[in-house]
């Protein structure tokens, strides 16, 4: 009896992934690469074309039995402090290309690994990374020196809401990460049983602003220092000013940071700036049964 062929997984290189996005760029048939379009990302069946495919068993060999999920959180190893962003992480269903990415396994906890994408992509963590990074490689030895929130600080009760951190962060991260059918297993771990979310640029920006403001609070960063840190990302500012006529990213983060501080001071729950709330955003319809 002939054995079924082994499942092949995409081998992701650094240029193919970005923050909360495992479909950032794709290879063309002539070997060149291009950025995936927003229209393509709004298709839950669209996946980027890698240069190489590898057997699924290679993933098991790479992780040496430390991970049993059908996805993993990875961060980009090639990093420059002069780029628009330096720390870049996402969840992906493929294999991180040798030397280009590393795995963030969070003590073999799938939930903690997913929630880690939040602080790994935050401005406050990126600022810390830029103070430590001296070359072009964000290696594990550098990451091990960086200050990050303890898992219980993120998943436990948080001061600006009556929700658990798992629910508050999980709903936002799920909407950012779960735009592709392939990441359904990760969404299920976050408690989401629905179809993938639409690729909605406006909502994604607002969700990220809430996450950034939240991590500034978890790091204990005062408002004036939030303002200062945001000014250390000149490319983000420049792109905002071209697109919106103002540094909108900073303004919204500061507004949310202020609202969270008022909630903390008054003992009330922070009210999201999103309508509908995170985790209840627009989704793709279910596939019709054939």
C-alpha atoms as a PDB file:
ATOM      1  CA  UNK A   1       0.000   0.000   0.000  1.00  0.00           C
ATOM      2  CA  UNK A   2       1.405   3.373  -1.032  1.00  0.00           C
ATOM      3  CA  UNK A   3       1.874   5.840   1.809  1.00  0.00           C
ATOM      4  CA  UNK A   4       0.215   9.229   1.510  1.00  0.00           C
ATOM      5  CA  UNK A   5       2.695  11.990   0.669  1.00  0.00           C
ATOM      6  CA  UNK A   6       3.884  14.020   3.642  1.00  0.00           C
ATOM      7  CA  UNK A   7       2.260  17.409   4.129  1.00  0.00           C
ATOM      8  CA  UNK A   8       4.479  20.264   2.994  1.00  0.00           C
ATOM      9  CA  UNK A   9       4.684  23.566   4.873  1.00  0.00           C
ATOM     10  CA  UNK A  10       5.828  26.963   3.623  1.00  0.00           C
ATOM     11  CA  UNK A  11       9.303  28.070   4.652  1.00  0.00           C
ATOM     12  CA  UNK A  12       8.914  31.700   5.672  1.00  0.00           C
ATOM     13  CA  UNK A  13      11.733  34.153   5.078  1.00  0.00           C
ATOM     14  CA  UNK A  14      12.017  37.481   6.868  1.00  0.00           C
ATOM     15  CA  UNK A  15      10.610  39.430   3.933  1.00  0.00           C
ATOM     16  CA  UNK A  16       7.336  37.467   3.915  1.00  0.00           C
ATOM     17  CA  UNK A  17       6.036  38.259   7.419  1.00  0.00           C
ATOM     18  CA  UNK A  18       5.371  41.401   9.423  1.00  0.00           C
ATOM     19  CA  UNK A  19       3.637  42.517  12.611  1.00  0.00           C
ATOM     20  CA  UNK A  20       0.413  40.531  13.141  1.00  0.00           C
ATOM     21  CA  UNK A  21       0.665  39.485   9.497  1.00  0.00           C
ATOM     22  CA  UNK A  22       1.891  36.158   8.124  1.00  0.00           C
ATOM     23  CA  UNK A  23       0.854  37.240   4.608  1.00  0.00           C
ATOM     24  CA  UNK A  24       2.950  40.393   4.246  1.00  0.00           C
ATOM     25  CA  UNK A  25       4.691  39.546   0.956  1.00  0.00           C
ATOM     26  CA  UNK A  26       4.693  36.764  -1.599  1.00  0.00           C
ATOM     27  CA  UNK A  27       6.947  35.295  -4.263  1.00  0.00           C
ATOM     28  CA  UNK A  28       6.075  35.575  -7.945  1.00  0.00           C
ATOM     29  CA  UNK A  29       6.713  32.858 -10.515  1.00  0.00           C
ATOM     30  CA  UNK A  30       9.825  34.670 -11.764  1.00  0.00           C
ATOM     31  CA  UNK A  31      11.424  34.577  -8.311  1.00  0.00           C
ATOM     32  CA  UNK A  32      10.740  38.211  -7.437  1.00  0.00           C
ATOM     33  CA  UNK A  33       8.712  39.273  -4.400  1.00  0.00           C
ATOM     34  CA  UNK A  34       5.951  41.798  -3.933  1.00  0.00           C
ATOM     35  CA  UNK A  35       3.801  42.989  -1.057  1.00  0.00           C
ATOM     36  CA  UNK A  36       0.461  41.237  -0.740  1.00  0.00           C
ATOM     37  CA  UNK A  37      -2.431  43.628  -1.388  1.00  0.00           C
ATOM     38  CA  UNK A  38      -5.139  44.489   1.116  1.00  0.00           C
ATOM     39  CA  UNK A  39      -7.634  42.883  -1.240  1.00  0.00           C
ATOM     40  CA  UNK A  40      -5.665  39.618  -1.164  1.00  0.00           C
ATOM     41  CA  UNK A  41      -5.423  39.728   2.626  1.00  0.00           C
ATOM     42  CA  UNK A  42      -9.181  40.171   2.817  1.00  0.00           C
ATOM     43  CA  UNK A  43      -9.510  36.717   1.246  1.00  0.00           C
ATOM     44  CA  UNK A  44      -9.346  34.170   4.103  1.00  0.00           C
ATOM     45  CA  UNK A  45      -8.117  31.494   1.674  1.00  0.00           C
ATOM     46  CA  UNK A  46      -5.260  33.560   0.300  1.00  0.00           C
ATOM     47  CA  UNK A  47      -1.778  32.521   1.420  1.00  0.00           C
ATOM     48  CA  UNK A  48       1.560  33.830   0.261  1.00  0.00           C
ATOM     49  CA  UNK A  49       3.734  31.800  -2.070  1.00  0.00           C
ATOM     50  CA  UNK A  50       7.086  30.993  -0.428  1.00  0.00           C
ATOM     51  CA  UNK A  51      10.284  30.275  -2.297  1.00  0.00           C
ATOM     52  CA  UNK A  52      10.655  26.884  -0.601  1.00  0.00           C
ATOM     53  CA  UNK A  53       8.397  24.218   0.857  1.00  0.00           C
ATOM     54  CA  UNK A  54       9.595  21.750   3.479  1.00  0.00           C
ATOM     55  CA  UNK A  55       8.157  18.528   4.941  1.00  0.00           C
ATOM     56  CA  UNK A  56       6.015  18.915   8.030  1.00  0.00           C
ATOM     57  CA  UNK A  57       8.407  16.634   9.889  1.00  0.00           C
ATOM     58  CA  UNK A  58      11.052  19.353   9.529  1.00  0.00           C
ATOM     59  CA  UNK A  59       9.007  21.556  11.848  1.00  0.00           C
ATOM     60  CA  UNK A  60       9.025  18.831  14.480  1.00  0.00           C
ATOM     61  CA  UNK A  61      12.774  18.434  14.053  1.00  0.00           C
ATOM     62  CA  UNK A  62      13.321  22.200  14.290  1.00  0.00           C
ATOM     63  CA  UNK A  63      11.301  22.492  17.502  1.00  0.00           C
ATOM     64  CA  UNK A  64      12.723  19.263  18.941  1.00  0.00           C
ATOM     65  CA  UNK A  65       9.412  18.172  20.418  1.00  0.00           C
ATOM     66  CA  UNK A  66       8.924  21.438  22.345  1.00  0.00           C
ATOM     67  CA  UNK A  67       5.777  22.472  20.464  1.00  0.00           C
ATOM     68  CA  UNK A  68       2.694  20.543  19.392  1.00  0.00           C
ATOM     69  CA  UNK A  69       0.460  23.234  17.901  1.00  0.00           C
ATOM     70  CA  UNK A  70      -0.318  23.626  14.188  1.00  0.00           C
ATOM     71  CA  UNK A  71       1.017  27.205  14.345  1.00  0.00           C
ATOM     72  CA  UNK A  72       3.743  29.091  16.207  1.00  0.00           C
ATOM     73  CA  UNK A  73       4.642  32.621  17.233  1.00  0.00           C
ATOM     74  CA  UNK A  74       7.820  33.814  15.554  1.00  0.00           C
ATOM     75  CA  UNK A  75       9.867  37.004  15.633  1.00  0.00           C
ATOM     76  CA  UNK A  76      12.018  38.358  12.847  1.00  0.00           C
ATOM     77  CA  UNK A  77      15.724  37.857  13.466  1.00  0.00           C
ATOM     78  CA  UNK A  78      16.839  40.376  10.861  1.00  0.00           C
ATOM     79  CA  UNK A  79      16.129  43.748  12.467  1.00  0.00           C
ATOM     80  CA  UNK A  80      17.399  47.304  12.127  1.00  0.00           C
ATOM     81  CA  UNK A  81      16.753  50.165  14.510  1.00  0.00           C
ATOM     82  CA  UNK A  82      16.473  52.494  11.502  1.00  0.00           C
ATOM     83  CA  UNK A  83      13.489  50.654   9.963  1.00  0.00           C
ATOM     84  CA  UNK A  84       9.897  51.734  10.498  1.00  0.00           C
ATOM     85  CA  UNK A  85       9.660  49.021  13.173  1.00  0.00           C
ATOM     86  CA  UNK A  86      12.382  46.827  14.648  1.00  0.00           C
ATOM     87  CA  UNK A  87      10.666  44.104  16.683  1.00  0.00           C
ATOM     88  CA  UNK A  88       8.381  42.177  14.330  1.00  0.00           C
ATOM     89  CA  UNK A  89       6.340  39.129  15.355  1.00  0.00           C
ATOM     90  CA  UNK A  90       3.302  37.179  14.274  1.00  0.00           C
ATOM     91  CA  UNK A  91       1.660  33.777  14.460  1.00  0.00           C
ATOM     92  CA  UNK A  92       2.210  31.572  11.441  1.00  0.00           C
ATOM     93  CA  UNK A  93       1.350  28.085  10.267  1.00  0.00           C
ATOM     94  CA  UNK A  94       4.652  27.561   8.462  1.00  0.00           C
ATOM     95  CA  UNK A  95       8.294  27.104   9.396  1.00  0.00           C
ATOM     96  CA  UNK A  96      10.571  30.008  10.220  1.00  0.00           C
ATOM     97  CA  UNK A  97      13.421  30.209   7.737  1.00  0.00           C
ATOM     98  CA  UNK A  98      16.799  29.362   9.230  1.00  0.00           C
ATOM     99  CA  UNK A  99      18.365  32.386  10.871  1.00  0.00           C
ATOM    100  CA  UNK A 100      15.628  34.753   9.690  1.00  0.00           C
ATOM    101  CA  UNK A 101      13.181  34.073  12.499  1.00  0.00           C
ATOM    102  CA  UNK A 102      13.111  32.499  15.913  1.00  0.00           C
ATOM    103  CA  UNK A 103      10.254  30.868  17.811  1.00  0.00           C
ATOM    104  CA  UNK A 104       8.644  32.406  20.886  1.00  0.00           C
ATOM    105  CA  UNK A 105       7.292  29.368  22.725  1.00  0.00           C
ATOM    106  CA  UNK A 106       6.471  31.072  26.069  1.00  0.00           C
ATOM    107  CA  UNK A 107       7.180  28.038  28.209  1.00  0.00           C
ATOM    108  CA  UNK A 108       5.321  25.743  25.793  1.00  0.00           C
ATOM    109  CA  UNK A 109       2.072  27.625  26.500  1.00  0.00           C
ATOM    110  CA  UNK A 110       0.093  28.196  23.323  1.00  0.00           C
ATOM    111  CA  UNK A 111      -2.047  30.884  24.949  1.00  0.00           C
ATOM    112  CA  UNK A 112       0.926  32.795  26.343  1.00  0.00           C
ATOM    113  CA  UNK A 113       2.728  32.478  23.025  1.00  0.00           C
ATOM    114  CA  UNK A 114      -0.201  34.054  21.186  1.00  0.00           C
ATOM    115  CA  UNK A 115      -0.617  36.840  23.711  1.00  0.00           C
ATOM    116  CA  UNK A 116       3.118  37.502  23.445  1.00  0.00           C
ATOM    117  CA  UNK A 117       2.559  38.795  19.902  1.00  0.00           C
ATOM    118  CA  UNK A 118       0.885  41.775  21.569  1.00  0.00           C
ATOM    119  CA  UNK A 119       3.852  43.027  23.552  1.00  0.00           C
ATOM    120  CA  UNK A 120       6.434  41.896  20.973  1.00  0.00           C
ATOM    121  CA  UNK A 121       4.782  44.257  18.451  1.00  0.00           C
ATOM    122  CA  UNK A 122       4.151  47.105  20.875  1.00  0.00           C
ATOM    123  CA  UNK A 123       5.888  50.468  20.576  1.00  0.00           C
ATOM    124  CA  UNK A 124       7.129  50.290  24.151  1.00  0.00           C
ATOM    125  CA  UNK A 125       8.837  46.924  23.593  1.00  0.00           C
ATOM    126  CA  UNK A 126      10.204  48.139  20.266  1.00  0.00           C
ATOM    127  CA  UNK A 127      11.699  51.144  22.036  1.00  0.00           C
ATOM    128  CA  UNK A 128      13.419  48.843  24.539  1.00  0.00           C
ATOM    129  CA  UNK A 129      14.716  46.661  21.692  1.00  0.00           C
ATOM    130  CA  UNK A 130      16.211  49.681  19.945  1.00  0.00           C
ATOM    131  CA  UNK A 131      18.180  50.613  23.059  1.00  0.00           C
ATOM    132  CA  UNK A 132      19.805  47.150  23.138  1.00  0.00           C
ATOM    133  CA  UNK A 133      20.250  46.350  19.458  1.00  0.00           C
ATOM    134  CA  UNK A 134      23.714  47.115  18.119  1.00  0.00           C
ATOM    135  CA  UNK A 135      23.676  45.259  14.803  1.00  0.00           C
ATOM    136  CA  UNK A 136      21.141  43.863  12.362  1.00  0.00           C
ATOM    137  CA  UNK A 137      20.159  40.673  14.186  1.00  0.00           C
ATOM    138  CA  UNK A 138      17.653  40.377  17.011  1.00  0.00           C
ATOM    139  CA  UNK A 139      18.997  37.134  18.389  1.00  0.00           C
ATOM    140  CA  UNK A 140      17.697  35.099  21.297  1.00  0.00           C
ATOM    141  CA  UNK A 141      20.617  36.273  23.420  1.00  0.00           C
ATOM    142  CA  UNK A 142      19.385  39.866  23.005  1.00  0.00           C
ATOM    143  CA  UNK A 143      15.732  38.983  23.578  1.00  0.00           C
ATOM    144  CA  UNK A 144      16.655  37.213  26.812  1.00  0.00           C
ATOM    145  CA  UNK A 145      17.985  40.505  28.215  1.00  0.00           C
ATOM    146  CA  UNK A 146      14.842  42.534  27.508  1.00  0.00           C
ATOM    147  CA  UNK A 147      12.218  43.460  30.054  1.00  0.00           C
ATOM    148  CA  UNK A 148       8.791  42.022  29.232  1.00  0.00           C
ATOM    149  CA  UNK A 149       5.580  41.662  31.235  1.00  0.00           C
ATOM    150  CA  UNK A 150       5.146  38.465  33.211  1.00  0.00           C
ATOM    151  CA  UNK A 151       2.385  36.241  31.740  1.00  0.00           C
ATOM    152  CA  UNK A 152       0.278  36.704  34.885  1.00  0.00           C
ATOM    153  CA  UNK A 153       0.439  40.492  34.403  1.00  0.00           C
ATOM    154  CA  UNK A 154      -1.182  40.076  30.997  1.00  0.00           C
ATOM    155  CA  UNK A 155      -3.581  37.192  31.622  1.00  0.00           C
ATOM    156  CA  UNK A 156      -4.707  38.138  35.145  1.00  0.00           C
ATOM    157  CA  UNK A 157      -6.986  40.965  36.251  1.00  0.00           C
ATOM    158  CA  UNK A 158      -5.982  44.271  34.698  1.00  0.00           C
ATOM    159  CA  UNK A 159      -6.489  47.663  36.253  1.00  0.00           C
ATOM    160  CA  UNK A 160      -8.431  49.507  33.533  1.00  0.00           C
ATOM    161  CA  UNK A 161     -11.191  46.953  32.958  1.00  0.00           C
ATOM    162  CA  UNK A 162     -13.334  44.420  34.739  1.00  0.00           C
ATOM    163  CA  UNK A 163     -12.308  41.714  32.257  1.00  0.00           C
ATOM    164  CA  UNK A 164      -9.460  39.286  32.684  1.00  0.00           C
ATOM    165  CA  UNK A 165      -6.374  40.082  30.684  1.00  0.00           C
ATOM    166  CA  UNK A 166      -6.858  36.841  28.763  1.00  0.00           C
ATOM    167  CA  UNK A 167     -10.256  38.037  27.524  1.00  0.00           C
ATOM    168  CA  UNK A 168      -9.236  41.674  26.963  1.00  0.00           C
ATOM    169  CA  UNK A 169      -6.008  40.981  25.090  1.00  0.00           C
ATOM    170  CA  UNK A 170      -7.268  37.774  23.505  1.00  0.00           C
ATOM    171  CA  UNK A 171     -10.233  39.376  21.730  1.00  0.00           C
ATOM    172  CA  UNK A 172      -8.002  42.054  20.214  1.00  0.00           C
ATOM    173  CA  UNK A 173      -5.192  39.740  19.204  1.00  0.00           C
ATOM    174  CA  UNK A 174      -7.609  37.248  17.706  1.00  0.00           C
ATOM    175  CA  UNK A 175      -9.090  39.894  15.422  1.00  0.00           C
ATOM    176  CA  UNK A 176      -5.616  40.971  14.313  1.00  0.00           C
ATOM    177  CA  UNK A 177      -4.194  37.483  13.739  1.00  0.00           C
ATOM    178  CA  UNK A 178      -7.177  35.435  12.604  1.00  0.00           C
ATOM    179  CA  UNK A 179      -7.729  36.742   9.074  1.00  0.00           C
ATOM    180  CA  UNK A 180      -6.749  33.474   7.396  1.00  0.00           C
ATOM    181  CA  UNK A 181      -8.396  30.068   7.623  1.00  0.00           C
ATOM    182  CA  UNK A 182      -5.016  28.507   8.371  1.00  0.00           C
ATOM    183  CA  UNK A 183      -4.848  30.231  11.752  1.00  0.00           C
ATOM    184  CA  UNK A 184      -8.180  28.826  12.936  1.00  0.00           C
ATOM    185  CA  UNK A 185      -6.402  26.529  15.453  1.00  0.00           C
ATOM    186  CA  UNK A 186      -4.812  29.590  17.085  1.00  0.00           C
ATOM    187  CA  UNK A 187      -8.180  31.356  17.203  1.00  0.00           C
ATOM    188  CA  UNK A 188      -9.773  28.335  18.894  1.00  0.00           C
ATOM    189  CA  UNK A 189      -7.121  28.516  21.600  1.00  0.00           C
ATOM    190  CA  UNK A 190      -8.197  32.103  22.222  1.00  0.00           C
ATOM    191  CA  UNK A 191     -11.784  30.898  22.618  1.00  0.00           C
ATOM    192  CA  UNK A 192     -13.013  32.035  19.202  1.00  0.00           C
ATOM    193  CA  UNK A 193     -15.211  29.589  17.288  1.00  0.00           C
ATOM    194  CA  UNK A 194     -16.180  31.835  14.372  1.00  0.00           C
ATOM    195  CA  UNK A 195     -15.022  32.414  10.827  1.00  0.00           C
ATOM    196  CA  UNK A 196     -11.916  34.525  10.045  1.00  0.00           C
ATOM    197  CA  UNK A 197     -12.129  38.280  10.508  1.00  0.00           C
ATOM    198  CA  UNK A 198     -12.164  40.693   7.596  1.00  0.00           C
ATOM    199  CA  UNK A 199      -8.937  42.543   6.823  1.00  0.00           C
ATOM    200  CA  UNK A 200     -10.189  45.953   7.959  1.00  0.00           C
ATOM    201  CA  UNK A 201      -7.345  48.497   7.992  1.00  0.00           C
ATOM    202  CA  UNK A 202      -9.202  51.077  10.081  1.00  0.00           C
ATOM    203  CA  UNK A 203     -10.242  48.604  12.770  1.00  0.00           C
ATOM    204  CA  UNK A 204      -6.781  47.054  12.867  1.00  0.00           C
ATOM    205  CA  UNK A 205      -5.240  50.457  13.512  1.00  0.00           C
ATOM    206  CA  UNK A 206      -7.633  51.185  16.389  1.00  0.00           C
ATOM    207  CA  UNK A 207      -7.119  47.747  17.935  1.00  0.00           C
ATOM    208  CA  UNK A 208      -3.373  48.226  17.789  1.00  0.00           C
ATOM    209  CA  UNK A 209      -3.707  51.651  19.440  1.00  0.00           C
ATOM    210  CA  UNK A 210      -5.577  50.054  22.347  1.00  0.00           C
ATOM    211  CA  UNK A 211      -2.940  47.338  22.657  1.00  0.00           C
ATOM    212  CA  UNK A 212      -0.114  49.874  22.573  1.00  0.00           C
ATOM    213  CA  UNK A 213      -1.753  52.047  25.221  1.00  0.00           C
ATOM    214  CA  UNK A 214      -2.316  48.961  27.366  1.00  0.00           C
ATOM    215  CA  UNK A 215       1.312  47.867  27.185  1.00  0.00           C
ATOM    216  CA  UNK A 216       2.502  51.378  28.002  1.00  0.00           C
ATOM    217  CA  UNK A 217       0.413  51.051  31.179  1.00  0.00           C
ATOM    218  CA  UNK A 218       1.762  47.570  31.956  1.00  0.00           C
ATOM    219  CA  UNK A 219       5.293  48.905  31.596  1.00  0.00           C
ATOM    220  CA  UNK A 220       4.401  51.794  33.910  1.00  0.00           C
ATOM    221  CA  UNK A 221       5.161  54.475  31.315  1.00  0.00           C
ATOM    222  CA  UNK A 222       3.785  57.919  32.182  1.00  0.00           C
ATOM    223  CA  UNK A 223       1.969  60.016  29.598  1.00  0.00           C
ATOM    224  CA  UNK A 224       4.844  62.419  28.888  1.00  0.00           C
ATOM    225  CA  UNK A 225       7.160  59.464  28.331  1.00  0.00           C
ATOM    226  CA  UNK A 226       4.626  57.853  25.970  1.00  0.00           C
ATOM    227  CA  UNK A 227       4.735  61.102  23.979  1.00  0.00           C
ATOM    228  CA  UNK A 228       8.551  61.002  23.936  1.00  0.00           C
ATOM    229  CA  UNK A 229       8.778  57.328  22.938  1.00  0.00           C
ATOM    230  CA  UNK A 230       6.338  57.806  20.060  1.00  0.00           C
ATOM    231  CA  UNK A 231       8.534  60.621  18.732  1.00  0.00           C
ATOM    232  CA  UNK A 232      11.419  58.131  18.390  1.00  0.00           C
ATOM    233  CA  UNK A 233       9.583  56.456  15.476  1.00  0.00           C
ATOM    234  CA  UNK A 234      10.046  59.099  12.757  1.00  0.00           C
ATOM    235  CA  UNK A 235       9.040  56.883   9.840  1.00  0.00           C
ATOM    236  CA  UNK A 236       5.716  56.064  11.502  1.00  0.00           C
ATOM    237  CA  UNK A 237       5.178  59.796  12.011  1.00  0.00           C
ATOM    238  CA  UNK A 238       6.111  60.664   8.439  1.00  0.00           C
ATOM    239  CA  UNK A 239       3.793  58.057   6.943  1.00  0.00           C
ATOM    240  CA  UNK A 240       0.943  59.213   9.182  1.00  0.00           C
ATOM    241  CA  UNK A 241       1.418  62.829   8.196  1.00  0.00           C
ATOM    242  CA  UNK A 242       1.318  61.901   4.508  1.00  0.00           C
ATOM    243  CA  UNK A 243      -1.785  59.720   4.924  1.00  0.00           C
ATOM    244  CA  UNK A 244      -3.699  61.694   7.565  1.00  0.00           C
ATOM    245  CA  UNK A 245      -2.130  65.129   7.846  1.00  0.00           C
ATOM    246  CA  UNK A 246      -1.136  64.447  11.465  1.00  0.00           C
ATOM    247  CA  UNK A 247       0.706  61.913  13.618  1.00  0.00           C
ATOM    248  CA  UNK A 248      -2.536  60.032  14.151  1.00  0.00           C
ATOM    249  CA  UNK A 249      -0.982  56.888  15.612  1.00  0.00           C
ATOM    250  CA  UNK A 250       0.501  58.871  18.505  1.00  0.00           C
ATOM    251  CA  UNK A 251      -2.644  60.935  19.052  1.00  0.00           C
ATOM    252  CA  UNK A 252      -4.936  57.914  19.295  1.00  0.00           C
ATOM    253  CA  UNK A 253      -2.544  56.000  21.579  1.00  0.00           C
ATOM    254  CA  UNK A 254      -2.317  59.009  23.904  1.00  0.00           C
ATOM    255  CA  UNK A 255      -6.102  59.411  23.926  1.00  0.00           C
ATOM    256  CA  UNK A 256      -6.573  55.745  24.820  1.00  0.00           C
ATOM    257  CA  UNK A 257      -3.781  55.920  27.407  1.00  0.00           C
ATOM    258  CA  UNK A 258      -5.582  58.883  29.011  1.00  0.00           C
ATOM    259  CA  UNK A 259      -8.923  57.064  28.987  1.00  0.00           C
ATOM    260  CA  UNK A 260      -7.352  53.997  30.595  1.00  0.00           C
ATOM    261  CA  UNK A 261      -5.754  56.174  33.272  1.00  0.00           C
ATOM    262  CA  UNK A 262      -9.139  57.763  34.054  1.00  0.00           C
ATOM    263  CA  UNK A 263     -10.636  54.282  34.352  1.00  0.00           C
ATOM    264  CA  UNK A 264      -7.857  53.252  36.738  1.00  0.00           C
ATOM    265  CA  UNK A 265      -8.243  56.428  38.816  1.00  0.00           C
ATOM    266  CA  UNK A 266     -12.029  56.155  39.105  1.00  0.00           C
ATOM    267  CA  UNK A 267     -12.322  52.385  39.403  1.00  0.00           C
ATOM    268  CA  UNK A 268     -14.490  52.185  36.298  1.00  0.00           C
ATOM    269  CA  UNK A 269     -14.074  50.048  33.198  1.00  0.00           C
ATOM    270  CA  UNK A 270     -12.342  51.448  30.137  1.00  0.00           C
ATOM    271  CA  UNK A 271     -14.750  51.790  27.197  1.00  0.00           C
ATOM    272  CA  UNK A 272     -13.316  50.660  23.879  1.00  0.00           C
ATOM    273  CA  UNK A 273     -13.055  53.084  20.971  1.00  0.00           C
ATOM    274  CA  UNK A 274     -14.182  50.352  18.576  1.00  0.00           C
ATOM    275  CA  UNK A 275     -17.752  49.759  17.435  1.00  0.00           C
ATOM    276  CA  UNK A 276     -18.484  46.889  17.426  1.00  0.00           C
ATOM    277  CA  UNK A 277     -16.055  45.960  20.225  1.00  0.00           C
ATOM    278  CA  UNK A 278     -12.888  43.927  19.557  1.00  0.00           C
ATOM    279  CA  UNK A 279     -13.625  40.296  18.822  1.00  0.00           C
ATOM    280  CA  UNK A 280     -17.017  41.220  17.360  1.00  0.00           C
ATOM    281  CA  UNK A 281     -15.739  42.826  14.173  1.00  0.00           C
ATOM    282  CA  UNK A 282     -16.852  41.889  10.658  1.00  0.00           C
ATOM    283  CA  UNK A 283     -16.129  38.323   9.586  1.00  0.00           C
ATOM    284  CA  UNK A 284     -16.158  36.319   6.411  1.00  0.00           C
ATOM    285  CA  UNK A 285     -19.211  34.136   5.828  1.00  0.00           C
ATOM    286  CA  UNK A 286     -18.945  30.438   6.487  1.00  0.00           C
ATOM    287  CA  UNK A 287     -18.048  28.279   3.530  1.00  0.00           C
ATOM    288  CA  UNK A 288     -21.000  26.651   1.842  1.00  0.00           C
ATOM    289  CA  UNK A 289     -21.072  22.875   2.126  1.00  0.00           C
ATOM    290  CA  UNK A 290     -20.336  21.189  -1.165  1.00  0.00           C
END
